[in-house]
Structures are given as C-alpha cells and as structure tokens.
Amino acid sequence: MKASHPRNYIDLRSNSSQYVLRLDERSQALSEETGAELVVADLTNGADVVRALQGCKRTYFGMSISPPYLQATAIAAAATKEIPGFEILVNISQMTVSQMYIPSDG
C-alpha cells in the first residue's frame, strides 16, 4: 500500500504497477482489467485493514514515509493475524538509514 496519507486509500496494482488513491473512472477501469476488488480503508484503523484483507492470502505493503507510517505498518502486520489462511505480508520500507533514529540513554 503506498500513500503519503492513509485515509481513503485504495491500492490496486496491475502488471504495469499502477496504483490509485480514490474510486474514479481510472480505478474502475483498472479493476475491470485485472479483476481486482477495490477497497477504501484507513490504514491507521485496525478494523478497516482487517476488512480490506478479508479473502487475501498475500499482501504487499509499501507505504511512503509519513507521520502515521509506523502505526500503519504495525496495524497491517497485526491485521494479517486475524485473517484465516493468510500466508505472507511483504513490507518494503522506504525509510533510509539517515531517517532512522534510536534515542540514546545519555
């Protein structure tokens, strides 16, 4: 899932790696071409993510770095545990080492 803001986000990947951020004519056309189901979900809401993942066995999660990134990533990982038969979650972080920070004790 890739978005700078997780609200009302739909991820639809086709063979050409296209994605959409809203339901419109383009997303409908991609859905018809690929047979993908479109889902509107808030990636920071666990119930939304579980609902969006229903029926999935595998998911790619690739959200761009933003304030809710860590929360959304943790929710996506936890949500997969609620899906019977779920096999794999692939998370591609776009965070670079220079963006990582671990506070020191002193």
N, C-alpha and C. Protein backbone atom coordinates (compact mmCIF):
# COMPACT_ATOMS: atom_id res chain seq x y z
N MET A 1 0.85 -1.15 0.00
CA MET A 1 0.00 0.00 0.00
C MET A 1 0.90 1.22 0.00
N LYS A 2 0.64 2.12 -0.86
CA LYS A 2 1.56 3.24 -1.00
C LYS A 2 0.78 4.54 -1.02
N ALA A 3 1.00 5.38 -0.03
CA ALA A 3 0.31 6.67 0.02
C ALA A 3 1.03 7.57 0.99
N SER A 4 0.97 8.87 0.76
CA SER A 4 1.56 9.79 1.71
C SER A 4 0.58 10.06 2.84
N HIS A 5 -0.68 9.77 2.65
CA HIS A 5 -1.69 9.91 3.68
C HIS A 5 -2.60 8.70 3.58
N PRO A 6 -2.82 7.97 4.69
CA PRO A 6 -3.50 6.69 4.60
C PRO A 6 -5.02 6.76 4.51
N ARG A 7 -5.65 7.88 4.61
CA ARG A 7 -7.11 7.97 4.60
C ARG A 7 -7.66 7.75 3.20
N ASN A 8 -8.76 7.02 3.11
CA ASN A 8 -9.44 6.76 1.84
C ASN A 8 -8.47 6.27 0.76
N TYR A 9 -7.66 5.34 1.12
CA TYR A 9 -6.63 4.85 0.21
C TYR A 9 -7.02 3.52 -0.37
N ILE A 10 -6.85 3.39 -1.64
CA ILE A 10 -7.08 2.13 -2.32
C ILE A 10 -5.78 1.74 -3.01
N ASP A 11 -5.39 0.51 -2.85
CA ASP A 11 -4.21 0.04 -3.56
C ASP A 11 -4.65 -0.95 -4.61
N LEU A 12 -4.31 -0.68 -5.83
CA LEU A 12 -4.65 -1.59 -6.92
C LEU A 12 -3.43 -1.68 -7.81
N ARG A 13 -2.79 -2.81 -7.81
CA ARG A 13 -1.60 -2.98 -8.63
C ARG A 13 -1.91 -3.87 -9.81
N SER A 14 -1.52 -3.41 -10.97
CA SER A 14 -1.69 -4.21 -12.18
C SER A 14 -0.31 -4.63 -12.65
N ASN A 15 -0.25 -5.27 -13.79
CA ASN A 15 1.04 -5.68 -14.33
C ASN A 15 1.96 -4.50 -14.58
N SER A 16 1.39 -3.31 -14.78
CA SER A 16 2.22 -2.14 -15.03
C SER A 16 2.50 -1.36 -13.74
N SER A 17 2.22 -1.97 -12.58
CA SER A 17 2.49 -1.38 -11.27
C SER A 17 1.80 -0.03 -11.07
N GLN A 18 0.59 0.09 -11.55
CA GLN A 18 -0.18 1.30 -11.34
C GLN A 18 -0.89 1.21 -9.99
N TYR A 19 -1.15 2.34 -9.38
CA TYR A 19 -1.93 2.35 -8.16
C TYR A 19 -2.89 3.54 -8.21
N VAL A 20 -3.90 3.48 -7.36
CA VAL A 20 -4.91 4.53 -7.35
C VAL A 20 -5.13 5.01 -5.91
N LEU A 21 -5.58 6.24 -5.78
CA LEU A 21 -5.82 6.81 -4.47
C LEU A 21 -7.30 7.08 -4.20
N ARG A 22 -8.14 6.90 -5.19
CA ARG A 22 -9.57 7.15 -5.00
C ARG A 22 -10.37 6.34 -6.00
N LEU A 23 -11.64 6.16 -5.68
CA LEU A 23 -12.53 5.48 -6.62
C LEU A 23 -12.94 6.49 -7.69
N ASP A 24 -12.60 6.19 -8.93
CA ASP A 24 -12.96 7.04 -10.05
C ASP A 24 -12.98 6.19 -11.31
N GLU A 25 -13.11 6.81 -12.48
CA GLU A 25 -13.17 6.05 -13.73
C GLU A 25 -11.89 5.24 -13.96
N ARG A 26 -10.74 5.83 -13.62
CA ARG A 26 -9.47 5.15 -13.83
C ARG A 26 -9.36 3.90 -12.95
N SER A 27 -9.72 4.05 -11.67
CA SER A 27 -9.64 2.89 -10.79
C SER A 27 -10.63 1.81 -11.21
N GLN A 28 -11.81 2.21 -11.66
CA GLN A 28 -12.79 1.25 -12.13
C GLN A 28 -12.27 0.50 -13.36
N ALA A 29 -11.64 1.22 -14.27
CA ALA A 29 -11.08 0.58 -15.47
C ALA A 29 -9.98 -0.41 -15.09
N LEU A 30 -9.11 -0.04 -14.16
CA LEU A 30 -8.05 -0.95 -13.72
C LEU A 30 -8.65 -2.18 -13.05
N SER A 31 -9.70 -1.98 -12.28
CA SER A 31 -10.37 -3.10 -11.62
C SER A 31 -10.94 -4.06 -12.65
N GLU A 32 -11.58 -3.52 -13.66
CA GLU A 32 -12.17 -4.36 -14.71
C GLU A 32 -11.10 -5.11 -15.49
N GLU A 33 -9.96 -4.45 -15.75
CA GLU A 33 -8.87 -5.09 -16.50
C GLU A 33 -8.23 -6.24 -15.72
N THR A 34 -8.06 -6.05 -14.42
CA THR A 34 -7.31 -7.01 -13.62
C THR A 34 -8.19 -7.94 -12.80
N GLY A 35 -9.45 -7.56 -12.63
CA GLY A 35 -10.34 -8.35 -11.78
C GLY A 35 -10.13 -8.09 -10.30
N ALA A 36 -9.37 -7.06 -9.97
CA ALA A 36 -9.09 -6.73 -8.57
C ALA A 36 -10.30 -6.08 -7.93
N GLU A 37 -10.48 -6.36 -6.64
CA GLU A 37 -11.54 -5.73 -5.87
C GLU A 37 -10.99 -4.44 -5.27
N LEU A 38 -11.74 -3.36 -5.37
CA LEU A 38 -11.33 -2.08 -4.81
C LEU A 38 -11.85 -1.96 -3.38
N VAL A 39 -11.00 -1.48 -2.48
CA VAL A 39 -11.37 -1.33 -1.08
C VAL A 39 -10.93 0.05 -0.60
N VAL A 40 -11.82 0.75 0.06
CA VAL A 40 -11.49 2.03 0.69
C VAL A 40 -11.23 1.73 2.16
N ALA A 41 -10.07 2.15 2.66
CA ALA A 41 -9.72 1.83 4.04
C ALA A 41 -8.79 2.89 4.62
N ASP A 42 -8.87 3.06 5.93
CA ASP A 42 -7.96 3.92 6.69
C ASP A 42 -6.88 3.00 7.24
N LEU A 43 -5.64 3.16 6.80
CA LEU A 43 -4.57 2.25 7.20
C LEU A 43 -4.17 2.39 8.67
N THR A 44 -4.72 3.37 9.36
CA THR A 44 -4.45 3.51 10.80
C THR A 44 -5.61 2.98 11.63
N ASN A 45 -6.56 2.33 10.99
CA ASN A 45 -7.72 1.76 11.67
C ASN A 45 -7.68 0.24 11.49
N GLY A 46 -7.43 -0.47 12.58
CA GLY A 46 -7.28 -1.91 12.50
C GLY A 46 -8.46 -2.63 11.88
N ALA A 47 -9.69 -2.23 12.25
CA ALA A 47 -10.88 -2.87 11.70
C ALA A 47 -10.97 -2.68 10.19
N ASP A 48 -10.61 -1.48 9.71
CA ASP A 48 -10.60 -1.22 8.26
C ASP A 48 -9.61 -2.12 7.55
N VAL A 49 -8.43 -2.27 8.13
CA VAL A 49 -7.39 -3.07 7.48
C VAL A 49 -7.78 -4.55 7.48
N VAL A 50 -8.33 -5.04 8.58
CA VAL A 50 -8.78 -6.44 8.62
C VAL A 50 -9.86 -6.64 7.56
N ARG A 51 -10.81 -5.71 7.47
CA ARG A 51 -11.88 -5.81 6.46
C ARG A 51 -11.29 -5.82 5.05
N ALA A 52 -10.31 -4.96 4.81
CA ALA A 52 -9.70 -4.88 3.47
C ALA A 52 -8.94 -6.15 3.11
N LEU A 53 -8.39 -6.83 4.10
CA LEU A 53 -7.59 -8.03 3.85
C LEU A 53 -8.42 -9.31 3.79
N GLN A 54 -9.69 -9.24 4.12
CA GLN A 54 -10.53 -10.45 4.10
C GLN A 54 -10.43 -11.13 2.73
N GLY A 55 -10.17 -12.41 2.74
CA GLY A 55 -10.07 -13.18 1.50
C GLY A 55 -8.69 -13.17 0.88
N CYS A 56 -7.77 -12.38 1.42
CA CYS A 56 -6.41 -12.33 0.88
C CYS A 56 -5.54 -13.39 1.53
N LYS A 57 -4.60 -13.89 0.76
CA LYS A 57 -3.59 -14.80 1.30
C LYS A 57 -2.23 -14.13 1.35
N ARG A 58 -2.03 -13.15 0.46
CA ARG A 58 -0.74 -12.47 0.36
C ARG A 58 -1.00 -10.98 0.14
N THR A 59 -0.15 -10.15 0.75
CA THR A 59 -0.29 -8.71 0.60
C THR A 59 1.07 -8.04 0.51
N TYR A 60 1.16 -7.07 -0.35
CA TYR A 60 2.33 -6.19 -0.45
C TYR A 60 1.96 -4.88 0.24
N PHE A 61 2.77 -4.45 1.18
CA PHE A 61 2.56 -3.19 1.90
C PHE A 61 3.77 -2.31 1.64
N GLY A 62 3.58 -1.18 1.00
CA GLY A 62 4.69 -0.29 0.68
C GLY A 62 4.27 1.16 0.80
N MET A 63 4.01 1.60 1.99
CA MET A 63 3.55 2.97 2.25
C MET A 63 4.75 3.91 2.33
N SER A 64 4.63 5.08 1.75
CA SER A 64 5.73 6.05 1.83
C SER A 64 5.85 6.58 3.26
N ILE A 65 7.02 7.07 3.59
CA ILE A 65 7.28 7.57 4.93
C ILE A 65 6.43 8.80 5.21
N SER A 66 5.72 8.75 6.33
CA SER A 66 4.85 9.83 6.75
C SER A 66 4.63 9.67 8.25
N PRO A 67 4.05 10.66 8.91
CA PRO A 67 3.86 10.52 10.37
C PRO A 67 3.16 9.23 10.80
N PRO A 68 2.12 8.73 10.10
CA PRO A 68 1.48 7.50 10.57
C PRO A 68 2.10 6.22 10.02
N TYR A 69 3.29 6.30 9.40
CA TYR A 69 3.90 5.14 8.77
C TYR A 69 4.08 3.96 9.73
N LEU A 70 4.71 4.18 10.87
CA LEU A 70 4.98 3.07 11.79
C LEU A 70 3.68 2.48 12.33
N GLN A 71 2.71 3.34 12.65
CA GLN A 71 1.43 2.87 13.14
C GLN A 71 0.73 2.02 12.08
N ALA A 72 0.68 2.50 10.84
CA ALA A 72 0.01 1.77 9.77
C ALA A 72 0.71 0.44 9.48
N THR A 73 2.03 0.42 9.54
CA THR A 73 2.78 -0.80 9.30
C THR A 73 2.49 -1.84 10.38
N ALA A 74 2.49 -1.40 11.64
CA ALA A 74 2.20 -2.32 12.74
C ALA A 74 0.77 -2.84 12.65
N ILE A 75 -0.17 -1.97 12.29
CA ILE A 75 -1.57 -2.40 12.15
C ILE A 75 -1.71 -3.41 11.02
N ALA A 76 -1.05 -3.18 9.90
CA ALA A 76 -1.12 -4.12 8.78
C ALA A 76 -0.57 -5.48 9.19
N ALA A 77 0.55 -5.48 9.90
CA ALA A 77 1.14 -6.75 10.34
C ALA A 77 0.21 -7.46 11.32
N ALA A 78 -0.35 -6.73 12.28
CA ALA A 78 -1.26 -7.34 13.24
C ALA A 78 -2.54 -7.83 12.57
N ALA A 79 -3.03 -7.09 11.60
CA ALA A 79 -4.28 -7.46 10.91
C ALA A 79 -4.15 -8.80 10.20
N THR A 80 -2.96 -9.10 9.69
CA THR A 80 -2.79 -10.37 8.97
C THR A 80 -3.02 -11.57 9.89
N LYS A 81 -2.80 -11.40 11.17
CA LYS A 81 -3.01 -12.49 12.14
C LYS A 81 -4.50 -12.80 12.31
N GLU A 82 -5.35 -11.87 11.91
CA GLU A 82 -6.80 -12.05 12.04
C GLU A 82 -7.42 -12.71 10.81
N ILE A 83 -6.64 -12.94 9.77
CA ILE A 83 -7.15 -13.47 8.51
C ILE A 83 -6.83 -14.96 8.41
N PRO A 84 -7.85 -15.82 8.47
CA PRO A 84 -7.60 -17.26 8.33
C PRO A 84 -6.93 -17.59 6.99
N GLY A 85 -5.88 -18.40 7.05
CA GLY A 85 -5.21 -18.82 5.84
C GLY A 85 -4.23 -17.80 5.26
N PHE A 86 -4.04 -16.67 5.95
CA PHE A 86 -3.10 -15.67 5.43
C PHE A 86 -1.70 -16.25 5.45
N GLU A 87 -0.94 -16.05 4.35
CA GLU A 87 0.36 -16.68 4.20
C GLU A 87 1.53 -15.73 4.37
N ILE A 88 1.49 -14.55 3.72
CA ILE A 88 2.67 -13.69 3.74
C ILE A 88 2.32 -12.23 3.56
N LEU A 89 3.01 -11.40 4.33
CA LEU A 89 2.94 -9.95 4.19
C LEU A 89 4.34 -9.48 3.78
N VAL A 90 4.43 -8.82 2.65
CA VAL A 90 5.71 -8.27 2.20
C VAL A 90 5.65 -6.78 2.45
N ASN A 91 6.57 -6.28 3.28
CA ASN A 91 6.64 -4.87 3.60
C ASN A 91 7.94 -4.32 3.05
N ILE A 92 7.83 -3.35 2.17
CA ILE A 92 9.00 -2.70 1.62
C ILE A 92 9.09 -1.31 2.24
N SER A 93 10.07 -1.10 3.09
CA SER A 93 10.25 0.18 3.74
C SER A 93 10.97 1.14 2.80
N GLN A 94 10.51 2.35 2.79
CA GLN A 94 11.18 3.38 2.01
C GLN A 94 12.01 4.28 2.90
N MET A 95 12.22 3.84 4.12
CA MET A 95 13.00 4.62 5.09
C MET A 95 14.49 4.34 4.87
N THR A 96 15.26 5.38 4.81
CA THR A 96 16.71 5.22 4.67
C THR A 96 17.35 5.22 6.06
N VAL A 97 18.56 4.76 6.14
CA VAL A 97 19.27 4.73 7.41
C VAL A 97 19.35 6.13 8.00
N SER A 98 19.53 7.16 7.18
CA SER A 98 19.63 8.52 7.70
C SER A 98 18.31 9.00 8.31
N GLN A 99 17.19 8.37 7.97
CA GLN A 99 15.91 8.74 8.54
C GLN A 99 15.60 8.01 9.84
N MET A 100 16.39 6.97 10.13
CA MET A 100 16.16 6.19 11.35
C MET A 100 16.82 6.87 12.53
N TYR A 101 16.16 6.78 13.68
CA TYR A 101 16.70 7.43 14.88
C TYR A 101 16.39 6.55 16.08
N ILE A 102 17.40 6.22 16.82
CA ILE A 102 17.23 5.50 18.08
C ILE A 102 17.81 6.39 19.16
N PRO A 103 16.94 6.86 20.06
CA PRO A 103 17.44 7.77 21.10
C PRO A 103 18.44 7.07 22.02
N SER A 104 19.43 7.80 22.44
CA SER A 104 20.43 7.24 23.36
C SER A 104 19.99 7.55 24.79
N ASP A 105 20.55 6.80 25.72
CA ASP A 105 20.21 6.99 27.13
C ASP A 105 20.97 8.15 27.76
N GLY A 106 21.84 8.73 27.07
CA GLY A 106 22.54 9.77 27.77
C GLY A 106 23.56 10.41 26.97
